[in-house]
């Protein structure tokens, strides 16, 4: 496989984007950008998009008074706008209403039928319209004085449904799925989600209904050869990855010739782990196709320590946040605060505190201090002077620490643990700021023309701070691409690949145009 193929799930268009969607997009985008920086000669493919079929869409469109396709166009456009606003580097934005996707889904269906994995039969069980799925574990709760049956897993209401459907032989793939997990111990990250996935499979799997009566679910792709049935929305949605890759209508069946398949990484939220870790690999096994290489599963966001929900009125719209905190500010906060293995918490106080402290102060103010015309009178990044001044020991150690960041930060970022990599970067920035504060370059600048030791100390201070900023600017490109570009432009940095962060720059370099990296939030 010659490409790194990373995907987000395609987002359901029953409502506008929320903070969780934005987090998934930024996480996948940052990993895609990291790959390009670490392996500049290797092509990448990054896909995202919208999932536009199903009963929930029918109902949402009806409530809005719009035809389904008009409703889908409107909401899908909001997800496209979000991608533009936060600067995702995606190559493909797919919609399940695209004609080439419908053709791909039909092809997959026919392949599963031909290989004997789909049969027709009576299917009955508890069905959750919100989850677009039959569920086995349910419980009764009281809502508004009435008893309501809900899914234990999601808490969404369910109804008993009995109808003739097409059914996928999911139960026959239990051993194959467990073998897949056994042979790929780091398949799902963080590891707790691989254990959760195993717990879904080990007790046994029921066969899966993969169609719905068209009289009940008309907004979807009809089953080839049977217009009375609509293909299950999750079989439809998951196939988007094949559509993007040009498969199976392309070359996925020939691993030697496929340039894209299988996916290198699926980035998903924990609520859709079962669909990507059980149903999807089973469909691929049944079709004779290779399985995804990795799944990165992230946790959810709470707001002021409460679950986001429409009923609470606390759903955070990222499109409303962007004008306030700036696109890279939102990206930084999401990647800085989110810990994949546990839920993160959003609060206005926290986002303001973090962005002011780390982007405006630690990063932006350091640049301002060392490029101001009163301190840096020659508007240069000076070389580190050859001197035996005692002052040289600490800055040389700071530079050395910065030069060794790329391996540790790269590993943390690649595993989706951006918060760990950012911690390492911020530690070096704190040390650098402390050194600059102690060295007082604004005082040294006043006497540097008359005193050679003061001039050496000033050049050491400026070189150290600006060299650290160059390294940090390279390493933060996946996280805050626009701010990093501004920083690297100001420092006139030519080499911006990952390996350049471990190479020392020694020549005198004139400064570029000065820019405000991040405006403090009030």
Foldseek 3Di string as FASTA:
>chain_A
DQEAEEEEFEAEQLDADFLQVLLLQLLRQLLQVQCCQAPVPGHYAYEYEHQQFALSLVVSCVVVVHDSVVSSVVRRVNVVVSCVQLVGPHPYYDYLPDPLLLVLLLVLLVLLVVLPFKDKDKDKAWAFRVVLAGADAWDWDADPNDIFIAHPVPRGGTDIDIDIAIWGPLQVCLVVLVVVCVVQVQQEPPNVLSVVLNVVRVVTDDIGGFWDQCVSGVGARAHVPDNRIHGRSLSSRLCVQQSSQVPPVDPQLPVVPRPDPDHAEYEYESVCCCSLSRVNVSSCVSSNGDHHRHYYYAYEEAEPPHRDDVVVVPGHRVVVVCVQFNSLLSLQCSLQFTDRVDYGYDYPVVSQVCCCCVVQPLQQVLVCVLQPCLLPVVQKLAFQDPDPPPLLPLLVVLLQLQLPLLVVLSVCSNSSNNNVSVVSLSVSSVSLVVSCVVLVSSVLSVCVVPDVVSVNSSSSSSNSSLLSSLLSLLSCCSRRVVLSVLSCQQNVDDSRRSNVSNDGDGHMGRGHDDDRSGDRRD
